[in-house]
Amino acid sequence: MRALSALTVAGILALFPGEGQALKPGDCEVCVTFLNRFYQSLKERNVEFTAAVVDKELLKSCNEAKGKENRLCYYIGATTDAATKITNEVSKPLSHHIPAEKICEKLKKKDGQICELKYDKQIDLSTVELKKLRVKELKKILDDWGETCKGCAEKSDFIRKINELMPKYAPNAASARTDL
């Protein structure tokens, strides 16, 4: 009889998840990283921490965001094409110096997609053999750098372009490579 009552209690508790469930490490990776970096940039530039100023700066920062961070900005309504706008859910708490983890925790309750965003795995250019990568991965390297390969038709064209641009975008990797 005792096991049944424990199962009943467990079932009831499962229906009512705890309100203050903290984020686990790795949860909301993009949200926490982006907001921490954004907060640091505001502090370094001695920006006034009012909700209106933080909101304006957030919109500026999101305008320059790329990839997953741009997707986060879309979800919170900080992009021009966003359907909803919940930027005040970020700017107001940030103006009161609330940690990014807590802000993301609240955002997760509004839109679960926010915490599902993960950064793409980064390729270590100092050790990877470019010849073994797929063309899609080579294109992604160039795209991450904000570059394109006009007139590239063969895999070797993309590899040549990456090797050519590597000293500019990944100087440490360029100097560590032995196959150049």
N, C-alpha and C. Protein backbone atom coordinates (compact mmCIF):
# COMPACT_ATOMS: atom_id res chain seq x y z
N MET A 1 0.82 -1.19 0.00
CA MET A 1 0.00 0.00 0.00
C MET A 1 0.87 1.26 0.00
N ARG A 2 1.99 1.18 0.70
CA ARG A 2 2.88 2.32 0.81
C ARG A 2 3.48 2.69 -0.55
N ALA A 3 3.84 1.70 -1.40
CA ALA A 3 4.41 1.96 -2.71
C ALA A 3 3.40 2.65 -3.62
N LEU A 4 2.14 2.27 -3.47
CA LEU A 4 1.10 2.89 -4.28
C LEU A 4 0.96 4.37 -3.94
N SER A 5 1.00 4.71 -2.70
CA SER A 5 0.85 6.11 -2.31
C SER A 5 2.07 6.92 -2.77
N ALA A 6 3.24 6.33 -2.78
CA ALA A 6 4.44 7.02 -3.26
C ALA A 6 4.33 7.27 -4.76
N LEU A 7 3.79 6.28 -5.50
CA LEU A 7 3.58 6.46 -6.93
C LEU A 7 2.53 7.55 -7.20
N THR A 8 1.50 7.58 -6.39
CA THR A 8 0.47 8.60 -6.54
C THR A 8 1.05 9.98 -6.32
N VAL A 9 1.86 10.14 -5.28
CA VAL A 9 2.50 11.42 -4.98
C VAL A 9 3.43 11.81 -6.12
N ALA A 10 4.20 10.87 -6.63
CA ALA A 10 5.12 11.15 -7.73
C ALA A 10 4.34 11.59 -8.96
N GLY A 11 3.21 10.94 -9.23
CA GLY A 11 2.37 11.32 -10.37
C GLY A 11 1.81 12.71 -10.23
N ILE A 12 1.36 13.05 -9.04
CA ILE A 12 0.81 14.38 -8.80
C ILE A 12 1.90 15.43 -8.94
N LEU A 13 3.09 15.17 -8.42
CA LEU A 13 4.20 16.12 -8.52
C LEU A 13 4.62 16.32 -9.97
N ALA A 14 4.51 15.27 -10.78
CA ALA A 14 4.88 15.37 -12.19
C ALA A 14 3.93 16.31 -12.93
N LEU A 15 2.68 16.40 -12.47
CA LEU A 15 1.71 17.29 -13.10
C LEU A 15 1.99 18.75 -12.81
N PHE A 16 2.66 19.03 -11.70
CA PHE A 16 2.94 20.41 -11.30
C PHE A 16 4.44 20.62 -11.18
N PRO A 17 5.10 20.91 -12.29
CA PRO A 17 6.56 21.13 -12.23
C PRO A 17 6.87 22.34 -11.37
N GLY A 18 8.01 22.26 -10.72
CA GLY A 18 8.44 23.34 -9.83
C GLY A 18 8.57 24.66 -10.57
N GLU A 19 8.11 25.73 -9.96
CA GLU A 19 8.12 27.05 -10.59
C GLU A 19 9.54 27.56 -10.76
N GLY A 20 10.40 27.32 -9.79
CA GLY A 20 11.74 27.88 -9.85
C GLY A 20 12.80 26.90 -10.29
N GLN A 21 12.49 26.08 -11.28
CA GLN A 21 13.49 25.11 -11.74
C GLN A 21 14.63 25.84 -12.42
N ALA A 22 15.80 25.68 -11.87
CA ALA A 22 16.99 26.36 -12.41
C ALA A 22 17.44 25.67 -13.69
N LEU A 23 18.13 26.43 -14.52
CA LEU A 23 18.68 25.87 -15.75
C LEU A 23 19.81 24.92 -15.43
N LYS A 24 19.88 23.84 -16.21
CA LYS A 24 20.99 22.91 -16.07
C LYS A 24 22.13 23.42 -16.94
N PRO A 25 23.37 23.04 -16.64
CA PRO A 25 24.49 23.47 -17.49
C PRO A 25 24.23 23.03 -18.94
N GLY A 26 24.42 23.95 -19.86
CA GLY A 26 24.18 23.65 -21.27
C GLY A 26 22.80 24.06 -21.74
N ASP A 27 21.86 24.29 -20.80
CA ASP A 27 20.53 24.78 -21.17
C ASP A 27 20.64 26.21 -21.66
N CYS A 28 19.86 26.56 -22.61
CA CYS A 28 19.80 27.94 -23.13
C CYS A 28 21.18 28.47 -23.50
N GLU A 29 21.98 27.63 -24.11
CA GLU A 29 23.37 27.97 -24.45
C GLU A 29 23.49 29.30 -25.19
N VAL A 30 22.70 29.47 -26.24
CA VAL A 30 22.80 30.67 -27.06
C VAL A 30 22.29 31.88 -26.28
N CYS A 31 21.17 31.73 -25.60
CA CYS A 31 20.57 32.82 -24.84
C CYS A 31 21.52 33.34 -23.77
N VAL A 32 22.04 32.44 -22.95
CA VAL A 32 22.92 32.83 -21.85
C VAL A 32 24.21 33.47 -22.37
N THR A 33 24.82 32.86 -23.38
CA THR A 33 26.07 33.39 -23.94
C THR A 33 25.85 34.77 -24.56
N PHE A 34 24.81 34.90 -25.37
CA PHE A 34 24.52 36.18 -26.04
C PHE A 34 24.23 37.27 -25.02
N LEU A 35 23.37 36.99 -24.04
CA LEU A 35 23.01 38.02 -23.06
C LEU A 35 24.19 38.39 -22.17
N ASN A 36 25.02 37.42 -21.79
CA ASN A 36 26.21 37.74 -20.99
C ASN A 36 27.16 38.64 -21.77
N ARG A 37 27.40 38.31 -23.04
CA ARG A 37 28.28 39.13 -23.87
C ARG A 37 27.68 40.53 -24.08
N PHE A 38 26.37 40.59 -24.30
CA PHE A 38 25.68 41.87 -24.48
C PHE A 38 25.79 42.72 -23.21
N TYR A 39 25.56 42.11 -22.06
CA TYR A 39 25.64 42.81 -20.77
C TYR A 39 27.06 43.36 -20.55
N GLN A 40 28.07 42.53 -20.85
CA GLN A 40 29.47 42.96 -20.69
C GLN A 40 29.78 44.15 -21.60
N SER A 41 29.27 44.10 -22.83
CA SER A 41 29.53 45.20 -23.77
C SER A 41 28.89 46.49 -23.27
N LEU A 42 27.72 46.40 -22.65
CA LEU A 42 27.07 47.59 -22.08
C LEU A 42 27.90 48.16 -20.93
N LYS A 43 28.40 47.27 -20.08
CA LYS A 43 29.22 47.72 -18.95
C LYS A 43 30.52 48.38 -19.44
N GLU A 44 31.17 47.77 -20.42
CA GLU A 44 32.43 48.30 -20.95
C GLU A 44 32.26 49.66 -21.60
N ARG A 45 31.10 49.89 -22.20
CA ARG A 45 30.84 51.16 -22.87
C ARG A 45 30.16 52.17 -21.93
N ASN A 46 30.02 51.81 -20.67
CA ASN A 46 29.39 52.68 -19.65
C ASN A 46 28.02 53.19 -20.09
N VAL A 47 27.22 52.29 -20.63
CA VAL A 47 25.88 52.64 -21.07
C VAL A 47 24.98 52.77 -19.84
N GLU A 48 24.06 53.73 -19.89
CA GLU A 48 23.12 53.93 -18.79
C GLU A 48 22.18 52.73 -18.72
N PHE A 49 22.04 52.15 -17.54
CA PHE A 49 21.23 50.95 -17.39
C PHE A 49 19.77 51.29 -17.06
N THR A 50 19.07 51.82 -18.07
CA THR A 50 17.63 52.01 -17.97
C THR A 50 17.00 51.07 -18.99
N ALA A 51 15.77 50.68 -18.75
CA ALA A 51 15.11 49.73 -19.64
C ALA A 51 15.06 50.24 -21.08
N ALA A 52 14.78 51.53 -21.27
CA ALA A 52 14.68 52.09 -22.62
C ALA A 52 16.02 52.05 -23.36
N VAL A 53 17.10 52.43 -22.65
CA VAL A 53 18.43 52.44 -23.28
C VAL A 53 18.89 51.02 -23.58
N VAL A 54 18.67 50.11 -22.63
CA VAL A 54 19.07 48.70 -22.83
C VAL A 54 18.29 48.12 -24.01
N ASP A 55 17.00 48.44 -24.10
CA ASP A 55 16.18 47.94 -25.21
C ASP A 55 16.70 48.45 -26.55
N LYS A 56 17.05 49.72 -26.61
CA LYS A 56 17.59 50.32 -27.84
C LYS A 56 18.91 49.64 -28.23
N GLU A 57 19.78 49.42 -27.25
CA GLU A 57 21.06 48.76 -27.50
C GLU A 57 20.87 47.30 -27.92
N LEU A 58 19.86 46.65 -27.34
CA LEU A 58 19.56 45.26 -27.69
C LEU A 58 19.15 45.17 -29.16
N LEU A 59 18.32 46.10 -29.60
CA LEU A 59 17.90 46.11 -31.00
C LEU A 59 19.10 46.33 -31.93
N LYS A 60 20.02 47.21 -31.53
CA LYS A 60 21.24 47.45 -32.33
C LYS A 60 22.08 46.19 -32.40
N SER A 61 22.27 45.56 -31.25
CA SER A 61 23.09 44.35 -31.17
C SER A 61 22.48 43.22 -31.99
N CYS A 62 21.17 43.10 -31.92
CA CYS A 62 20.49 42.04 -32.67
C CYS A 62 20.53 42.29 -34.17
N ASN A 63 20.61 43.55 -34.56
CA ASN A 63 20.70 43.89 -35.97
C ASN A 63 21.98 43.34 -36.59
N GLU A 64 23.03 43.21 -35.77
CA GLU A 64 24.32 42.70 -36.24
C GLU A 64 24.49 41.21 -35.99
N ALA A 65 23.57 40.59 -35.25
CA ALA A 65 23.69 39.17 -34.87
C ALA A 65 23.54 38.27 -36.09
N LYS A 66 24.26 37.17 -36.06
CA LYS A 66 24.22 36.20 -37.16
C LYS A 66 23.92 34.81 -36.59
N GLY A 67 23.48 33.93 -37.45
CA GLY A 67 23.28 32.53 -37.09
C GLY A 67 22.27 32.32 -35.98
N LYS A 68 22.66 31.53 -35.01
CA LYS A 68 21.75 31.16 -33.90
C LYS A 68 21.40 32.37 -33.05
N GLU A 69 22.32 33.31 -32.92
CA GLU A 69 22.05 34.51 -32.13
C GLU A 69 20.99 35.36 -32.82
N ASN A 70 20.99 35.40 -34.16
CA ASN A 70 19.96 36.10 -34.89
C ASN A 70 18.61 35.42 -34.67
N ARG A 71 18.63 34.10 -34.60
CA ARG A 71 17.41 33.33 -34.36
C ARG A 71 16.85 33.67 -32.97
N LEU A 72 17.74 33.78 -31.98
CA LEU A 72 17.32 34.17 -30.62
C LEU A 72 16.67 35.55 -30.67
N CYS A 73 17.30 36.48 -31.37
CA CYS A 73 16.75 37.83 -31.50
C CYS A 73 15.37 37.81 -32.15
N TYR A 74 15.19 36.94 -33.12
CA TYR A 74 13.89 36.78 -33.77
C TYR A 74 12.85 36.32 -32.74
N TYR A 75 13.21 35.34 -31.93
CA TYR A 75 12.27 34.79 -30.94
C TYR A 75 11.85 35.84 -29.91
N ILE A 76 12.76 36.74 -29.55
CA ILE A 76 12.41 37.76 -28.55
C ILE A 76 11.85 39.03 -29.20
N GLY A 77 11.78 39.04 -30.51
CA GLY A 77 11.18 40.17 -31.22
C GLY A 77 12.10 41.33 -31.46
N ALA A 78 13.39 41.09 -31.50
CA ALA A 78 14.36 42.16 -31.70
C ALA A 78 14.84 42.26 -33.14
N THR A 79 14.15 41.57 -34.05
CA THR A 79 14.46 41.69 -35.48
C THR A 79 13.26 42.32 -36.18
N THR A 80 13.49 42.87 -37.35
CA THR A 80 12.42 43.57 -38.07
C THR A 80 11.32 42.63 -38.55
N ASP A 81 11.66 41.35 -38.77
CA ASP A 81 10.68 40.40 -39.29
C ASP A 81 9.99 39.56 -38.21
N ALA A 82 10.24 39.87 -36.94
CA ALA A 82 9.66 39.08 -35.84
C ALA A 82 8.16 39.33 -35.72
N ALA A 83 7.43 38.28 -35.37
CA ALA A 83 5.98 38.38 -35.26
C ALA A 83 5.55 38.95 -33.91
N THR A 84 6.28 38.62 -32.87
CA THR A 84 5.94 39.11 -31.52
C THR A 84 7.13 39.88 -30.97
N LYS A 85 6.86 40.66 -29.95
CA LYS A 85 7.95 41.44 -29.36
C LYS A 85 7.91 41.29 -27.83
N ILE A 86 8.93 40.61 -27.32
CA ILE A 86 9.05 40.48 -25.86
C ILE A 86 10.43 40.97 -25.41
N THR A 87 10.95 41.97 -26.11
CA THR A 87 12.28 42.49 -25.75
C THR A 87 12.30 43.08 -24.35
N ASN A 88 11.13 43.57 -23.89
CA ASN A 88 11.07 44.11 -22.52
C ASN A 88 11.34 43.04 -21.48
N GLU A 89 11.12 41.76 -21.84
CA GLU A 89 11.40 40.65 -20.93
C GLU A 89 12.92 40.46 -20.77
N VAL A 90 13.69 41.10 -21.64
CA VAL A 90 15.15 41.06 -21.56
C VAL A 90 15.68 42.39 -21.03
N SER A 91 15.24 43.48 -21.63
CA SER A 91 15.81 44.80 -21.30
C SER A 91 15.52 45.25 -19.87
N LYS A 92 14.30 45.02 -19.39
CA LYS A 92 13.97 45.47 -18.03
C LYS A 92 14.79 44.74 -16.97
N PRO A 93 14.80 43.39 -16.98
CA PRO A 93 15.63 42.71 -15.96
C PRO A 93 17.13 43.00 -16.12
N LEU A 94 17.59 43.14 -17.37
CA LEU A 94 19.00 43.42 -17.60
C LEU A 94 19.36 44.80 -17.07
N SER A 95 18.43 45.74 -17.14
CA SER A 95 18.68 47.09 -16.62
C SER A 95 18.79 47.07 -15.09
N HIS A 96 18.25 46.01 -14.47
CA HIS A 96 18.36 45.84 -13.02
C HIS A 96 19.48 44.86 -12.65
N HIS A 97 20.33 44.53 -13.64
CA HIS A 97 21.50 43.66 -13.46
C HIS A 97 21.14 42.24 -13.04
N ILE A 98 19.99 41.74 -13.51
CA ILE A 98 19.58 40.36 -13.26
C ILE A 98 20.47 39.47 -14.12
N PRO A 99 20.99 38.36 -13.58
CA PRO A 99 21.87 37.47 -14.37
C PRO A 99 21.17 36.90 -15.60
N ALA A 100 21.95 36.70 -16.65
CA ALA A 100 21.43 36.18 -17.92
C ALA A 100 20.74 34.83 -17.73
N GLU A 101 21.24 34.00 -16.85
CA GLU A 101 20.65 32.68 -16.61
C GLU A 101 19.20 32.82 -16.15
N LYS A 102 18.95 33.77 -15.25
CA LYS A 102 17.59 33.99 -14.72
C LYS A 102 16.67 34.54 -15.81
N ILE A 103 17.20 35.43 -16.64
CA ILE A 103 16.41 36.01 -17.73
C ILE A 103 16.02 34.92 -18.72
N CYS A 104 16.98 34.09 -19.07
CA CYS A 104 16.72 33.00 -20.02
C CYS A 104 15.74 31.99 -19.45
N GLU A 105 15.82 31.76 -18.14
CA GLU A 105 14.89 30.86 -17.45
C GLU A 105 13.45 31.37 -17.63
N LYS A 106 13.25 32.68 -17.47
CA LYS A 106 11.91 33.27 -17.64
C LYS A 106 11.49 33.23 -19.11
N LEU A 107 12.44 33.49 -20.02
CA LEU A 107 12.13 33.45 -21.45
C LEU A 107 11.72 32.05 -21.88
N LYS A 108 12.33 31.04 -21.27
CA LYS A 108 12.02 29.65 -21.60
C LYS A 108 10.55 29.36 -21.33
N LYS A 109 9.99 29.96 -20.29
CA LYS A 109 8.58 29.76 -19.97
C LYS A 109 7.68 30.42 -21.01
N LYS A 110 8.15 31.52 -21.60
CA LYS A 110 7.37 32.23 -22.63
C LYS A 110 7.44 31.50 -23.97
N ASP A 111 8.65 31.03 -24.33
CA ASP A 111 8.86 30.37 -25.61
C ASP A 111 9.98 29.33 -25.45
N GLY A 112 9.61 28.08 -25.42
CA GLY A 112 10.56 26.99 -25.20
C GLY A 112 11.65 26.90 -26.26
N GLN A 113 11.36 27.42 -27.47
CA GLN A 113 12.34 27.36 -28.56
C GLN A 113 13.61 28.14 -28.22
N ILE A 114 13.48 29.15 -27.37
CA ILE A 114 14.62 29.99 -27.01
C ILE A 114 15.73 29.15 -26.40
N CYS A 115 15.37 28.21 -25.57
CA CYS A 115 16.39 27.41 -24.90
C CYS A 115 16.79 26.17 -25.69
N GLU A 116 16.14 25.94 -26.80
CA GLU A 116 16.53 24.81 -27.65
C GLU A 116 17.66 25.18 -28.59
N LEU A 117 17.95 26.48 -28.72
CA LEU A 117 19.02 26.92 -29.62
C LEU A 117 20.38 26.49 -29.10
N LYS A 118 21.16 25.90 -29.96
CA LYS A 118 22.53 25.47 -29.64
C LYS A 118 23.45 25.99 -30.73
N TYR A 119 24.66 26.35 -30.34
CA TYR A 119 25.66 26.77 -31.32
C TYR A 119 26.09 25.57 -32.14
N ASP A 120 26.40 25.81 -33.41
CA ASP A 120 26.93 24.76 -34.26
C ASP A 120 28.32 24.39 -33.76
N LYS A 121 28.66 23.11 -33.93
CA LYS A 121 29.98 22.65 -33.53
C LYS A 121 31.03 23.36 -34.38
N GLN A 122 32.04 23.91 -33.74
CA GLN A 122 33.08 24.64 -34.45
C GLN A 122 34.17 23.67 -34.93
N ILE A 123 34.64 23.91 -36.13
CA ILE A 123 35.71 23.10 -36.72
C ILE A 123 37.05 23.70 -36.33
N ASP A 124 37.94 22.87 -35.82
CA ASP A 124 39.29 23.34 -35.45
C ASP A 124 40.14 23.38 -36.71
N LEU A 125 40.31 24.55 -37.25
CA LEU A 125 41.02 24.71 -38.53
C LEU A 125 42.51 24.40 -38.43
N SER A 126 43.05 24.39 -37.22
CA SER A 126 44.48 24.11 -37.09
C SER A 126 44.78 22.62 -37.23
N THR A 127 43.78 21.76 -37.02
CA THR A 127 44.04 20.32 -37.07
C THR A 127 43.25 19.58 -38.15
N VAL A 128 42.15 20.17 -38.62
CA VAL A 128 41.30 19.45 -39.57
C VAL A 128 41.93 19.40 -40.96
N GLU A 129 41.70 18.29 -41.63
CA GLU A 129 42.13 18.16 -43.02
C GLU A 129 40.99 18.65 -43.89
N LEU A 130 41.17 19.78 -44.53
CA LEU A 130 40.10 20.39 -45.32
C LEU A 130 39.61 19.46 -46.42
N LYS A 131 40.50 18.63 -46.96
CA LYS A 131 40.12 17.70 -48.04
C LYS A 131 39.09 16.69 -47.57
N LYS A 132 39.04 16.42 -46.26
CA LYS A 132 38.12 15.42 -45.73
C LYS A 132 36.75 16.01 -45.37
N LEU A 133 36.63 17.34 -45.42
CA LEU A 133 35.35 17.97 -45.12
C LEU A 133 34.44 17.95 -46.34
N ARG A 134 33.15 18.02 -46.10
CA ARG A 134 32.18 18.11 -47.18
C ARG A 134 32.15 19.55 -47.69
N VAL A 135 31.69 19.74 -48.91
CA VAL A 135 31.59 21.07 -49.50
C VAL A 135 30.68 21.95 -48.63
N LYS A 136 29.61 21.36 -48.09
CA LYS A 136 28.69 22.09 -47.22
C LYS A 136 29.43 22.68 -46.02
N GLU A 137 30.34 21.89 -45.43
CA GLU A 137 31.12 22.36 -44.27
C GLU A 137 32.12 23.44 -44.69
N LEU A 138 32.70 23.29 -45.86
CA LEU A 138 33.62 24.31 -46.37
C LEU A 138 32.89 25.63 -46.62
N LYS A 139 31.68 25.53 -47.18
CA LYS A 139 30.86 26.72 -47.41
C LYS A 139 30.51 27.39 -46.09
N LYS A 140 30.25 26.57 -45.07
CA LYS A 140 29.89 27.11 -43.75
C LYS A 140 31.05 27.88 -43.14
N ILE A 141 32.26 27.39 -43.31
CA ILE A 141 33.45 28.10 -42.81
C ILE A 141 33.51 29.49 -43.45
N LEU A 142 33.35 29.53 -44.75
CA LEU A 142 33.38 30.82 -45.46
C LEU A 142 32.22 31.71 -45.02
N ASP A 143 31.04 31.12 -44.85
CA ASP A 143 29.88 31.89 -44.43
C ASP A 143 30.07 32.47 -43.03
N ASP A 144 30.66 31.69 -42.13
CA ASP A 144 30.95 32.18 -40.77
C ASP A 144 31.90 33.38 -40.81
N TRP A 145 32.76 33.40 -41.79
CA TRP A 145 33.69 34.51 -41.94
C TRP A 145 33.06 35.69 -42.69
N GLY A 146 31.84 35.48 -43.20
CA GLY A 146 31.17 36.52 -43.97
C GLY A 146 31.70 36.62 -45.39
N GLU A 147 32.27 35.54 -45.87
CA GLU A 147 32.87 35.51 -47.22
C GLU A 147 32.08 34.55 -48.11
N THR A 148 32.24 34.72 -49.40
CA THR A 148 31.68 33.78 -50.37
C THR A 148 32.78 33.37 -51.33
N CYS A 149 32.52 32.34 -52.07
CA CYS A 149 33.50 31.86 -53.05
C CYS A 149 32.85 31.94 -54.42
N LYS A 150 32.96 33.10 -55.04
CA LYS A 150 32.37 33.30 -56.37
C LYS A 150 33.17 32.50 -57.40
N GLY A 151 32.44 31.79 -58.21
CA GLY A 151 33.08 31.02 -59.27
C GLY A 151 33.63 29.69 -58.80
N CYS A 152 33.40 29.33 -57.55
CA CYS A 152 33.87 28.03 -57.05
C CYS A 152 32.93 26.93 -57.52
N ALA A 153 33.49 25.96 -58.21
CA ALA A 153 32.69 24.85 -58.71
C ALA A 153 33.15 23.53 -58.10
N GLU A 154 34.42 23.43 -57.81
CA GLU A 154 34.99 22.20 -57.27
C GLU A 154 35.34 22.36 -55.80
N LYS A 155 35.42 21.26 -55.11
CA LYS A 155 35.81 21.26 -53.70
C LYS A 155 37.16 21.94 -53.52
N SER A 156 38.06 21.68 -54.45
CA SER A 156 39.42 22.26 -54.37
C SER A 156 39.38 23.79 -54.43
N ASP A 157 38.38 24.36 -55.13
CA ASP A 157 38.22 25.81 -55.19
C ASP A 157 37.90 26.38 -53.80
N PHE A 158 37.02 25.70 -53.10
CA PHE A 158 36.64 26.14 -51.74
C PHE A 158 37.83 26.03 -50.79
N ILE A 159 38.58 24.93 -50.90
CA ILE A 159 39.76 24.73 -50.05
C ILE A 159 40.80 25.82 -50.31
N ARG A 160 41.02 26.13 -51.59
CA ARG A 160 41.95 27.19 -51.96
C ARG A 160 41.53 28.53 -51.35
N LYS A 161 40.24 28.85 -51.45
CA LYS A 161 39.72 30.11 -50.91
C LYS A 161 39.87 30.16 -49.38
N ILE A 162 39.59 29.06 -48.71
CA ILE A 162 39.75 29.02 -47.24
C ILE A 162 41.21 29.22 -46.86
N ASN A 163 42.12 28.51 -47.54
CA ASN A 163 43.55 28.66 -47.26
C ASN A 163 44.02 30.10 -47.51
N GLU A 164 43.45 30.71 -48.53
CA GLU A 164 43.80 32.09 -48.88
C GLU A 164 43.33 33.08 -47.80
N LEU A 165 42.15 32.83 -47.22
CA LEU A 165 41.57 33.75 -46.23
C LEU A 165 41.93 33.41 -44.78
N MET A 166 42.47 32.23 -44.56
CA MET A 166 42.76 31.78 -43.19
C MET A 166 43.67 32.73 -42.42
N PRO A 167 44.72 33.29 -43.00
CA PRO A 167 45.55 34.21 -42.21
C PRO A 167 44.76 35.42 -41.69
N LYS A 168 43.74 35.83 -42.42
CA LYS A 168 42.93 36.98 -42.01
C LYS A 168 41.94 36.61 -40.89
N TYR A 169 41.26 35.48 -41.02
CA TYR A 169 40.18 35.11 -40.09
C TYR A 169 40.61 34.13 -38.99
N ALA A 170 41.60 33.34 -39.25
CA ALA A 170 42.06 32.37 -38.25
C ALA A 170 43.59 32.32 -38.28
N PRO A 171 44.24 33.42 -37.87
CA PRO A 171 45.70 33.48 -37.97
C PRO A 171 46.43 32.40 -37.18
N ASN A 172 45.90 32.04 -36.01
CA ASN A 172 46.54 30.98 -35.21
C ASN A 172 46.48 29.64 -35.95
N ALA A 173 45.34 29.36 -36.55
CA ALA A 173 45.19 28.11 -37.30
C ALA A 173 46.08 28.13 -38.54
N ALA A 174 46.19 29.28 -39.18
CA ALA A 174 47.01 29.39 -40.39
C ALA A 174 48.47 29.11 -40.09
N SER A 175 48.96 29.63 -38.95
CA SER A 175 50.37 29.42 -38.61
C SER A 175 50.62 27.99 -38.11
N ALA A 176 49.58 27.32 -37.60
CA ALA A 176 49.76 25.96 -37.08
C ALA A 176 49.66 24.90 -38.18
N ARG A 177 49.10 25.26 -39.31
CA ARG A 177 48.88 24.28 -40.38
C ARG A 177 50.21 23.92 -41.05
N THR A 178 50.30 22.66 -41.44
CA THR A 178 51.52 22.19 -42.11
C THR A 178 51.27 21.86 -43.56
N ASP A 179 49.98 21.82 -43.98
CA ASP A 179 49.69 21.38 -45.34
C ASP A 179 49.53 22.52 -46.32
N LEU A 180 49.95 23.73 -45.97
CA LEU A 180 49.78 24.88 -46.88
C LEU A 180 50.86 24.91 -47.94
